[in-house]
Amino acid sequence: ELHNTMKTHLIDDMELYGVWGNNYETFIEKRGER
């Protein structure tokens, strides 16, 4: 259920949020928008 788990942390899509690519700037930008 990890995909739904991460939504409870306001991380809706780990690909879009740069998690799988380890892209820190993208992660901060997308989580900030959320």
PDB file of all heavy atoms in Angstrom:
ATOM      1  N   GLU A   1       0.822  -1.212   0.000  1.00  0.00           N
ATOM      2  CA  GLU A   1       0.000   0.000   0.000  1.00  0.00           C
ATOM      3  C   GLU A   1       0.859   1.265   0.000  1.00  0.00           C
ATOM      4  O   GLU A   1       0.372   2.350   0.318  1.00  0.00           O
ATOM      5  CB  GLU A   1      -0.908   0.013   1.240  1.00  0.00           C
ATOM      6  CG  GLU A   1      -1.928  -1.097   1.286  1.00  0.00           C
ATOM      7  CD  GLU A   1      -2.998  -0.910   0.214  1.00  0.00           C
ATOM      8  OE1 GLU A   1      -3.372   0.256  -0.063  1.00  0.00           O
ATOM      9  OE2 GLU A   1      -3.441  -1.922  -0.337  1.00  0.00           O
ATOM     10  N   LEU A   2       2.130   1.133  -0.387  1.00  0.00           N
ATOM     11  CA  LEU A   2       3.055   2.265  -0.240  1.00  0.00           C
ATOM     12  C   LEU A   2       2.569   3.523  -0.975  1.00  0.00           C
ATOM     13  O   LEU A   2       2.724   4.635  -0.464  1.00  0.00           O
ATOM     14  CB  LEU A   2       4.457   1.887  -0.725  1.00  0.00           C
ATOM     15  CG  LEU A   2       5.533   2.959  -0.493  1.00  0.00           C
ATOM     16  CD1 LEU A   2       5.722   3.220   0.992  1.00  0.00           C
ATOM     17  CD2 LEU A   2       6.868   2.556  -1.138  1.00  0.00           C
ATOM     18  N   HIS A   3       1.962   3.355  -2.139  1.00  0.00           N
ATOM     19  CA  HIS A   3       1.479   4.519  -2.895  1.00  0.00           C
ATOM     20  C   HIS A   3       0.475   5.325  -2.061  1.00  0.00           C
ATOM     21  O   HIS A   3       0.566   6.555  -1.969  1.00  0.00           O
ATOM     22  CB  HIS A   3       0.827   4.063  -4.212  1.00  0.00           C
ATOM     23  CG  HIS A   3       0.220   5.187  -4.999  1.00  0.00           C
ATOM     24  ND1 HIS A   3       0.983   6.156  -5.632  1.00  0.00           N
ATOM     25  CD2 HIS A   3      -1.085   5.511  -5.232  1.00  0.00           C
ATOM     26  CE1 HIS A   3       0.175   7.025  -6.221  1.00  0.00           C
ATOM     27  NE2 HIS A   3      -1.081   6.655  -6.001  1.00  0.00           N
ATOM     28  N   ASN A   4      -0.468   4.615  -1.415  1.00  0.00           N
ATOM     29  CA  ASN A   4      -1.446   5.301  -0.567  1.00  0.00           C
ATOM     30  C   ASN A   4      -0.810   5.807   0.725  1.00  0.00           C
ATOM     31  O   ASN A   4      -1.200   6.847   1.252  1.00  0.00           O
ATOM     32  CB  ASN A   4      -2.611   4.362  -0.241  1.00  0.00           C
ATOM     33  CG  ASN A   4      -3.460   4.071  -1.457  1.00  0.00           C
ATOM     34  OD1 ASN A   4      -3.629   4.926  -2.319  1.00  0.00           O
ATOM     35  ND2 ASN A   4      -3.968   2.848  -1.559  1.00  0.00           N
ATOM     36  N   THR A   5       0.172   5.050   1.230  1.00  0.00           N
ATOM     37  CA  THR A   5       0.908   5.485   2.424  1.00  0.00           C
ATOM     38  C   THR A   5       1.514   6.863   2.205  1.00  0.00           C
ATOM     39  O   THR A   5       1.402   7.760   3.041  1.00  0.00           O
ATOM     40  CB  THR A   5       2.027   4.482   2.770  1.00  0.00           C
ATOM     41  OG1 THR A   5       1.465   3.218   3.093  1.00  0.00           O
ATOM     42  CG2 THR A   5       2.869   4.984   3.944  1.00  0.00           C
ATOM     43  N   MET A   6       2.161   7.049   1.044  1.00  0.00           N
ATOM     44  CA  MET A   6       2.876   8.299   0.796  1.00  0.00           C
ATOM     45  C   MET A   6       1.929   9.493   0.632  1.00  0.00           C
ATOM     46  O   MET A   6       2.307  10.630   0.914  1.00  0.00           O
ATOM     47  CB  MET A   6       3.773   8.165  -0.442  1.00  0.00           C
ATOM     48  CG  MET A   6       4.840   7.080  -0.294  1.00  0.00           C
ATOM     49  SD  MET A   6       5.684   7.104   1.317  1.00  0.00           S
ATOM     50  CE  MET A   6       6.546   8.663   1.230  1.00  0.00           C
ATOM     51  N   LYS A   7       0.694   9.228   0.230  1.00  0.00           N
ATOM     52  CA  LYS A   7      -0.278  10.321   0.153  1.00  0.00           C
ATOM     53  C   LYS A   7      -0.561  10.903   1.532  1.00  0.00           C
ATOM     54  O   LYS A   7      -0.880  12.090   1.654  1.00  0.00           O
ATOM     55  CB  LYS A   7      -1.578   9.823  -0.483  1.00  0.00           C
ATOM     56  CG  LYS A   7      -1.468   9.599  -1.986  1.00  0.00           C
ATOM     57  CD  LYS A   7      -2.815   9.217  -2.585  1.00  0.00           C
ATOM     58  CE  LYS A   7      -2.700   9.085  -4.097  1.00  0.00           C
ATOM     59  NZ  LYS A   7      -4.001   8.730  -4.730  1.00  0.00           N
ATOM     60  N   THR A   8      -0.446  10.065   2.581  1.00  0.00           N
ATOM     61  CA  THR A   8      -0.651  10.579   3.940  1.00  0.00           C
ATOM     62  C   THR A   8       0.509  11.464   4.389  1.00  0.00           C
ATOM     63  O   THR A   8       0.437  12.095   5.447  1.00  0.00           O
ATOM     64  CB  THR A   8      -0.842   9.432   4.963  1.00  0.00           C
ATOM     65  OG1 THR A   8       0.396   8.711   5.130  1.00  0.00           O
ATOM     66  CG2 THR A   8      -1.935   8.470   4.532  1.00  0.00           C
ATOM     67  N   HIS A   9       1.577  11.499   3.586  1.00  0.00           N
ATOM     68  CA  HIS A   9       2.719  12.390   3.856  1.00  0.00           C
ATOM     69  C   HIS A   9       2.747  13.552   2.856  1.00  0.00           C
ATOM     70  O   HIS A   9       3.767  14.247   2.752  1.00  0.00           O
ATOM     71  CB  HIS A   9       4.029  11.601   3.763  1.00  0.00           C
ATOM     72  CG  HIS A   9       4.179  10.560   4.836  1.00  0.00           C
ATOM     73  ND1 HIS A   9       4.722  10.834   6.064  1.00  0.00           N
ATOM     74  CD2 HIS A   9       3.830   9.248   4.850  1.00  0.00           C
ATOM     75  CE1 HIS A   9       4.715   9.729   6.810  1.00  0.00           C
ATOM     76  NE2 HIS A   9       4.177   8.751   6.097  1.00  0.00           N
ATOM     77  N   LEU A  10       1.627  13.746   2.140  1.00  0.00           N
ATOM     78  CA  LEU A  10       1.540  14.778   1.100  1.00  0.00           C
ATOM     79  C   LEU A  10       2.606  14.586   0.024  1.00  0.00           C
ATOM     80  O   LEU A  10       3.211  15.546  -0.472  1.00  0.00           O
ATOM     81  CB  LEU A  10       1.620  16.184   1.714  1.00  0.00           C
ATOM     82  CG  LEU A  10       0.477  16.544   2.684  1.00  0.00           C
ATOM     83  CD1 LEU A  10       0.641  17.963   3.197  1.00  0.00           C
ATOM     84  CD2 LEU A  10      -0.877  16.377   2.023  1.00  0.00           C
ATOM     85  N   ILE A  11       2.872  13.326  -0.314  1.00  0.00           N
ATOM     86  CA  ILE A  11       3.746  12.946  -1.423  1.00  0.00           C
ATOM     87  C   ILE A  11       2.869  12.062  -2.319  1.00  0.00           C
ATOM     88  O   ILE A  11       2.757  10.856  -2.106  1.00  0.00           O
ATOM     89  CB  ILE A  11       5.002  12.191  -0.933  1.00  0.00           C
ATOM     90  CG1 ILE A  11       5.783  13.072   0.065  1.00  0.00           C
ATOM     91  CG2 ILE A  11       5.899  11.795  -2.109  1.00  0.00           C
ATOM     92  CD1 ILE A  11       6.918  12.355   0.776  1.00  0.00           C
ATOM     93  N   ASP A  12       2.221  12.684  -3.288  1.00  0.00           N
ATOM     94  CA  ASP A  12       1.148  11.999  -4.009  1.00  0.00           C
ATOM     95  C   ASP A  12       1.633  11.019  -5.072  1.00  0.00           C
ATOM     96  O   ASP A  12       0.944  10.036  -5.358  1.00  0.00           O
ATOM     97  CB  ASP A  12       0.239  13.044  -4.676  1.00  0.00           C
ATOM     98  CG  ASP A  12      -0.584  13.812  -3.654  1.00  0.00           C
ATOM     99  OD1 ASP A  12      -0.606  13.403  -2.488  1.00  0.00           O
ATOM    100  OD2 ASP A  12      -1.196  14.836  -4.028  1.00  0.00           O
ATOM    101  N   ASP A  13       2.770  11.295  -5.663  1.00  0.00           N
ATOM    102  CA  ASP A  13       3.251  10.454  -6.759  1.00  0.00           C
ATOM    103  C   ASP A  13       4.775  10.478  -6.720  1.00  0.00           C
ATOM    104  O   ASP A  13       5.404  11.506  -7.012  1.00  0.00           O
ATOM    105  CB  ASP A  13       2.728  11.004  -8.097  1.00  0.00           C
ATOM    106  CG  ASP A  13       3.099  10.124  -9.282  1.00  0.00           C
ATOM    107  OD1 ASP A  13       4.253   9.666  -9.350  1.00  0.00           O
ATOM    108  OD2 ASP A  13       2.220   9.911 -10.147  1.00  0.00           O
ATOM    109  N   MET A  14       5.369   9.361  -6.336  1.00  0.00           N
ATOM    110  CA  MET A  14       6.821   9.359  -6.117  1.00  0.00           C
ATOM    111  C   MET A  14       7.607   9.584  -7.401  1.00  0.00           C
ATOM    112  O   MET A  14       8.726  10.096  -7.357  1.00  0.00           O
ATOM    113  CB  MET A  14       7.243   8.081  -5.410  1.00  0.00           C
ATOM    114  CG  MET A  14       6.831   8.088  -3.935  1.00  0.00           C
ATOM    115  SD  MET A  14       7.594   6.815  -2.937  1.00  0.00           S
ATOM    116  CE  MET A  14       6.628   5.395  -3.419  1.00  0.00           C
ATOM    117  N   GLU A  15       7.047   9.223  -8.529  1.00  0.00           N
ATOM    118  CA  GLU A  15       7.721   9.500  -9.809  1.00  0.00           C
ATOM    119  C   GLU A  15       7.678  10.995 -10.104  1.00  0.00           C
ATOM    120  O   GLU A  15       8.709  11.628 -10.374  1.00  0.00           O
ATOM    121  CB  GLU A  15       7.035   8.721 -10.931  1.00  0.00           C
ATOM    122  CG  GLU A  15       7.669   8.925 -12.308  1.00  0.00           C
ATOM    123  CD  GLU A  15       9.068   8.319 -12.396  1.00  0.00           C
ATOM    124  OE1 GLU A  15       9.288   7.204 -11.875  1.00  0.00           O
ATOM    125  OE2 GLU A  15       9.962   8.989 -12.959  1.00  0.00           O
ATOM    126  N   LEU A  16       6.472  11.560 -10.019  1.00  0.00           N
ATOM    127  CA  LEU A  16       6.282  12.979 -10.305  1.00  0.00           C
ATOM    128  C   LEU A  16       7.033  13.856  -9.314  1.00  0.00           C
ATOM    129  O   LEU A  16       7.524  14.931  -9.666  1.00  0.00           O
ATOM    130  CB  LEU A  16       4.785  13.310 -10.281  1.00  0.00           C
ATOM    131  CG  LEU A  16       4.381  14.732 -10.659  1.00  0.00           C
ATOM    132  CD1 LEU A  16       4.749  15.023 -12.112  1.00  0.00           C
ATOM    133  CD2 LEU A  16       2.883  14.921 -10.446  1.00  0.00           C
ATOM    134  N   TYR A  17       7.142  13.387  -8.074  1.00  0.00           N
ATOM    135  CA  TYR A  17       7.800  14.173  -7.018  1.00  0.00           C
ATOM    136  C   TYR A  17       9.319  13.989  -7.007  1.00  0.00           C
ATOM    137  O   TYR A  17       9.994  14.477  -6.108  1.00  0.00           O
ATOM    138  CB  TYR A  17       7.232  13.798  -5.648  1.00  0.00           C
ATOM    139  CG  TYR A  17       5.910  14.473  -5.307  1.00  0.00           C
ATOM    140  CD1 TYR A  17       4.825  14.419  -6.184  1.00  0.00           C
ATOM    141  CD2 TYR A  17       5.735  15.164  -4.124  1.00  0.00           C
ATOM    142  CE1 TYR A  17       3.620  15.023  -5.875  1.00  0.00           C
ATOM    143  CE2 TYR A  17       4.528  15.778  -3.801  1.00  0.00           C
ATOM    144  CZ  TYR A  17       3.473  15.705  -4.692  1.00  0.00           C
ATOM    145  OH  TYR A  17       2.268  16.302  -4.393  1.00  0.00           O
ATOM    146  N   GLY A  18       9.864  13.279  -7.960  1.00  0.00           N
ATOM    147  CA  GLY A  18      11.317  13.132  -8.075  1.00  0.00           C
ATOM    148  C   GLY A  18      11.934  12.147  -7.112  1.00  0.00           C
ATOM    149  O   GLY A  18      13.163  12.138  -6.948  1.00  0.00           O
ATOM    150  N   VAL A  19      11.124  11.291  -6.479  1.00  0.00           N
ATOM    151  CA  VAL A  19      11.670  10.362  -5.480  1.00  0.00           C
ATOM    152  C   VAL A  19      12.507   9.277  -6.150  1.00  0.00           C
ATOM    153  O   VAL A  19      13.652   9.034  -5.769  1.00  0.00           O
ATOM    154  CB  VAL A  19      10.543   9.732  -4.644  1.00  0.00           C
ATOM    155  CG1 VAL A  19      11.104   8.679  -3.690  1.00  0.00           C
ATOM    156  CG2 VAL A  19       9.802  10.817  -3.868  1.00  0.00           C
ATOM    157  N   TRP A  20      11.930   8.634  -7.178  1.00  0.00           N
ATOM    158  CA  TRP A  20      12.672   7.523  -7.805  1.00  0.00           C
ATOM    159  C   TRP A  20      13.929   8.029  -8.510  1.00  0.00           C
ATOM    160  O   TRP A  20      14.930   7.294  -8.577  1.00  0.00           O
ATOM    161  CB  TRP A  20      11.784   6.779  -8.788  1.00  0.00           C
ATOM    162  CG  TRP A  20      10.568   6.138  -8.168  1.00  0.00           C
ATOM    163  CD1 TRP A  20       9.284   6.246  -8.582  1.00  0.00           C
ATOM    164  CD2 TRP A  20      10.548   5.277  -7.029  1.00  0.00           C
ATOM    165  NE1 TRP A  20       8.439   5.525  -7.786  1.00  0.00           N
ATOM    166  CE2 TRP A  20       9.199   4.902  -6.800  1.00  0.00           C
ATOM    167  CE3 TRP A  20      11.514   4.780  -6.165  1.00  0.00           C
ATOM    168  CZ2 TRP A  20       8.798   4.075  -5.772  1.00  0.00           C
ATOM    169  CZ3 TRP A  20      11.121   3.945  -5.124  1.00  0.00           C
ATOM    170  CH2 TRP A  20       9.789   3.596  -4.924  1.00  0.00           C
ATOM    171  N   GLY A  21      13.901   9.261  -8.978  1.00  0.00           N
ATOM    172  CA  GLY A  21      15.086   9.814  -9.633  1.00  0.00           C
ATOM    173  C   GLY A  21      16.006  10.553  -8.689  1.00  0.00           C
ATOM    174  O   GLY A  21      17.004  11.150  -9.115  1.00  0.00           O
ATOM    175  N   ASN A  22      15.679  10.563  -7.389  1.00  0.00           N
ATOM    176  CA  ASN A  22      16.501  11.233  -6.360  1.00  0.00           C
ATOM    177  C   ASN A  22      16.740  12.714  -6.697  1.00  0.00           C
ATOM    178  O   ASN A  22      17.835  13.250  -6.487  1.00  0.00           O
ATOM    179  CB  ASN A  22      17.851  10.524  -6.179  1.00  0.00           C
ATOM    180  CG  ASN A  22      17.673   9.089  -5.733  1.00  0.00           C
ATOM    181  OD1 ASN A  22      16.831   8.786  -4.890  1.00  0.00           O
ATOM    182  ND2 ASN A  22      18.454   8.179  -6.317  1.00  0.00           N
ATOM    183  N   ASN A  23      15.686  13.346  -7.206  1.00  0.00           N
ATOM    184  CA  ASN A  23      15.794  14.752  -7.604  1.00  0.00           C
ATOM    185  C   ASN A  23      15.249  15.624  -6.471  1.00  0.00           C
ATOM    186  O   ASN A  23      14.041  15.790  -6.310  1.00  0.00           O
ATOM    187  CB  ASN A  23      15.014  14.990  -8.899  1.00  0.00           C
ATOM    188  CG  ASN A  23      15.290  16.359  -9.484  1.00  0.00           C
ATOM    189  OD1 ASN A  23      15.399  17.351  -8.760  1.00  0.00           O
ATOM    190  ND2 ASN A  23      15.419  16.410 -10.801  1.00  0.00           N
ATOM    191  N   TYR A  24      16.158  16.191  -5.687  1.00  0.00           N
ATOM    192  CA  TYR A  24      15.768  16.926  -4.480  1.00  0.00           C
ATOM    193  C   TYR A  24      14.998  18.214  -4.819  1.00  0.00           C
ATOM    194  O   TYR A  24      13.979  18.520  -4.196  1.00  0.00           O
ATOM    195  CB  TYR A  24      17.017  17.265  -3.658  1.00  0.00           C
ATOM    196  CG  TYR A  24      16.710  17.950  -2.340  1.00  0.00           C
ATOM    197  CD1 TYR A  24      15.976  17.298  -1.359  1.00  0.00           C
ATOM    198  CD2 TYR A  24      17.141  19.246  -2.084  1.00  0.00           C
ATOM    199  CE1 TYR A  24      15.681  17.902  -0.136  1.00  0.00           C
ATOM    200  CE2 TYR A  24      16.863  19.875  -0.869  1.00  0.00           C
ATOM    201  CZ  TYR A  24      16.131  19.199   0.099  1.00  0.00           C
ATOM    202  OH  TYR A  24      15.830  19.806   1.290  1.00  0.00           O
ATOM    203  N   GLU A  25      15.460  18.957  -5.811  1.00  0.00           N
ATOM    204  CA  GLU A  25      14.800  20.217  -6.176  1.00  0.00           C
ATOM    205  C   GLU A  25      13.357  19.958  -6.623  1.00  0.00           C
ATOM    206  O   GLU A  25      12.436  20.701  -6.253  1.00  0.00           O
ATOM    207  CB  GLU A  25      15.578  20.923  -7.294  1.00  0.00           C
ATOM    208  CG  GLU A  25      16.971  21.389  -6.888  1.00  0.00           C
ATOM    209  CD  GLU A  25      16.971  22.783  -6.274  1.00  0.00           C
ATOM    210  OE1 GLU A  25      15.919  23.439  -6.293  1.00  0.00           O
ATOM    211  OE2 GLU A  25      18.042  23.205  -5.770  1.00  0.00           O
ATOM    212  N   THR A  26      13.167  18.896  -7.415  1.00  0.00           N
ATOM    213  CA  THR A  26      11.816  18.562  -7.873  1.00  0.00           C
ATOM    214  C   THR A  26      10.930  18.183  -6.687  1.00  0.00           C
ATOM    215  O   THR A  26       9.769  18.594  -6.602  1.00  0.00           O
ATOM    216  CB  THR A  26      11.861  17.399  -8.881  1.00  0.00           C
ATOM    217  OG1 THR A  26      12.617  17.801 -10.029  1.00  0.00           O
ATOM    218  CG2 THR A  26      10.459  16.979  -9.312  1.00  0.00           C
ATOM    219  N   PHE A  27      11.496  17.400  -5.777  1.00  0.00           N
ATOM    220  CA  PHE A  27      10.741  16.950  -4.597  1.00  0.00           C
ATOM    221  C   PHE A  27      10.251  18.165  -3.794  1.00  0.00           C
ATOM    222  O   PHE A  27       9.074  18.249  -3.429  1.00  0.00           O
ATOM    223  CB  PHE A  27      11.609  16.054  -3.720  1.00  0.00           C
ATOM    224  CG  PHE A  27      10.950  15.656  -2.431  1.00  0.00           C
ATOM    225  CD1 PHE A  27      10.007  14.637  -2.391  1.00  0.00           C
ATOM    226  CD2 PHE A  27      11.254  16.311  -1.239  1.00  0.00           C
ATOM    227  CE1 PHE A  27       9.378  14.279  -1.201  1.00  0.00           C
ATOM    228  CE2 PHE A  27      10.634  15.969  -0.044  1.00  0.00           C
ATOM    229  CZ  PHE A  27       9.696  14.941  -0.029  1.00  0.00           C
ATOM    230  N   ILE A  28      11.144  19.104  -3.520  1.00  0.00           N
ATOM    231  CA  ILE A  28      10.790  20.287  -2.729  1.00  0.00           C
ATOM    232  C   ILE A  28       9.739  21.120  -3.451  1.00  0.00           C
ATOM    233  O   ILE A  28       8.767  21.609  -2.851  1.00  0.00           O
ATOM    234  CB  ILE A  28      12.047  21.135  -2.421  1.00  0.00           C
ATOM    235  CG1 ILE A  28      13.001  20.373  -1.479  1.00  0.00           C
ATOM    236  CG2 ILE A  28      11.656  22.475  -1.802  1.00  0.00           C
ATOM    237  CD1 ILE A  28      12.436  20.067  -0.112  1.00  0.00           C
ATOM    238  N   GLU A  29       9.892  21.276  -4.749  1.00  0.00           N
ATOM    239  CA  GLU A  29       8.945  22.069  -5.538  1.00  0.00           C
ATOM    240  C   GLU A  29       7.550  21.446  -5.492  1.00  0.00           C
ATOM    241  O   GLU A  29       6.558  22.129  -5.199  1.00  0.00           O
ATOM    242  CB  GLU A  29       9.437  22.146  -6.996  1.00  0.00           C
ATOM    243  CG  GLU A  29       8.561  22.982  -7.913  1.00  0.00           C
ATOM    244  CD  GLU A  29       8.887  24.462  -7.874  1.00  0.00           C
ATOM    245  OE1 GLU A  29       9.969  24.828  -7.357  1.00  0.00           O
ATOM    246  OE2 GLU A  29       8.048  25.260  -8.343  1.00  0.00           O
ATOM    247  N   LYS A  30       7.460  20.147  -5.776  1.00  0.00           N
ATOM    248  CA  LYS A  30       6.150  19.492  -5.870  1.00  0.00           C
ATOM    249  C   LYS A  30       5.501  19.350  -4.492  1.00  0.00           C
ATOM    250  O   LYS A  30       4.292  19.549  -4.351  1.00  0.00           O
ATOM    251  CB  LYS A  30       6.292  18.113  -6.526  1.00  0.00           C
ATOM    252  CG  LYS A  30       6.862  18.125  -7.926  1.00  0.00           C
ATOM    253  CD  LYS A  30       6.090  19.031  -8.870  1.00  0.00           C
ATOM    254  CE  LYS A  30       4.706  18.503  -9.207  1.00  0.00           C
ATOM    255  NZ  LYS A  30       4.003  19.352 -10.196  1.00  0.00           N
ATOM    256  N   ARG A  31       6.291  19.014  -3.496  1.00  0.00           N
ATOM    257  CA  ARG A  31       5.689  18.892  -2.161  1.00  0.00           C
ATOM    258  C   ARG A  31       5.265  20.271  -1.647  1.00  0.00           C
ATOM    259  O   ARG A  31       4.246  20.406  -0.960  1.00  0.00           O
ATOM    260  CB  ARG A  31       6.654  18.236  -1.176  1.00  0.00           C
ATOM    261  CG  ARG A  31       5.918  17.715   0.077  1.00  0.00           C
ATOM    262  CD  ARG A  31       6.806  16.914   0.974  1.00  0.00           C
ATOM    263  NE  ARG A  31       6.038  16.245   2.023  1.00  0.00           N
ATOM    264  CZ  ARG A  31       6.397  16.204   3.304  1.00  0.00           C
ATOM    265  NH1 ARG A  31       7.502  16.808   3.705  1.00  0.00           N
ATOM    266  NH2 ARG A  31       5.664  15.563   4.182  1.00  0.00           N
ATOM    267  N   GLY A  32       6.033  21.288  -1.974  1.00  0.00           N
ATOM    268  CA  GLY A  32       5.665  22.647  -1.580  1.00  0.00           C
ATOM    269  C   GLY A  32       4.348  23.057  -2.196  1.00  0.00           C
ATOM    270  O   GLY A  32       3.505  23.688  -1.530  1.00  0.00           O
ATOM    271  N   GLU A  33       4.137  22.724  -3.459  1.00  0.00           N
ATOM    272  CA  GLU A  33       2.868  23.046  -4.120  1.00  0.00           C
ATOM    273  C   GLU A  33       1.710  22.344  -3.427  1.00  0.00           C
ATOM    274  O   GLU A  33       0.634  22.923  -3.240  1.00  0.00           O
ATOM    275  CB  GLU A  33       2.924  22.627  -5.595  1.00  0.00           C
ATOM    276  CG  GLU A  33       3.858  23.487  -6.441  1.00  0.00           C
ATOM    277  CD  GLU A  33       4.022  22.946  -7.856  1.00  0.00           C
ATOM    278  OE1 GLU A  33       3.452  21.859  -8.159  1.00  0.00           O
ATOM    279  OE2 GLU A  33       4.730  23.593  -8.664  1.00  0.00           O
ATOM    280  N   ARG A  34       1.942  21.089  -3.035  1.00  0.00           N
ATOM    281  CA  ARG A  34       0.887  20.303  -2.377  1.00  0.00           C
ATOM    282  C   ARG A  34       0.554  20.882  -0.999  1.00  0.00           C
ATOM    283  O   ARG A  34      -0.616  20.998  -0.618  1.00  0.00           O
ATOM    284  CB  ARG A  34       1.362  18.846  -2.233  1.00  0.00           C
ATOM    285  CG  ARG A  34       0.351  17.920  -1.615  1.00  0.00           C
ATOM    286  CD  ARG A  34      -0.757  17.594  -2.598  1.00  0.00           C
ATOM    287  NE  ARG A  34      -1.719  16.680  -1.999  1.00  0.00           N
ATOM    288  CZ  ARG A  34      -2.761  17.075  -1.281  1.00  0.00           C
ATOM    289  NH1 ARG A  34      -2.986  18.369  -1.086  1.00  0.00           N
ATOM    290  NH2 ARG A  34      -3.592  16.195  -0.772  1.00  0.00           N
TER     291      ARG A  34
END
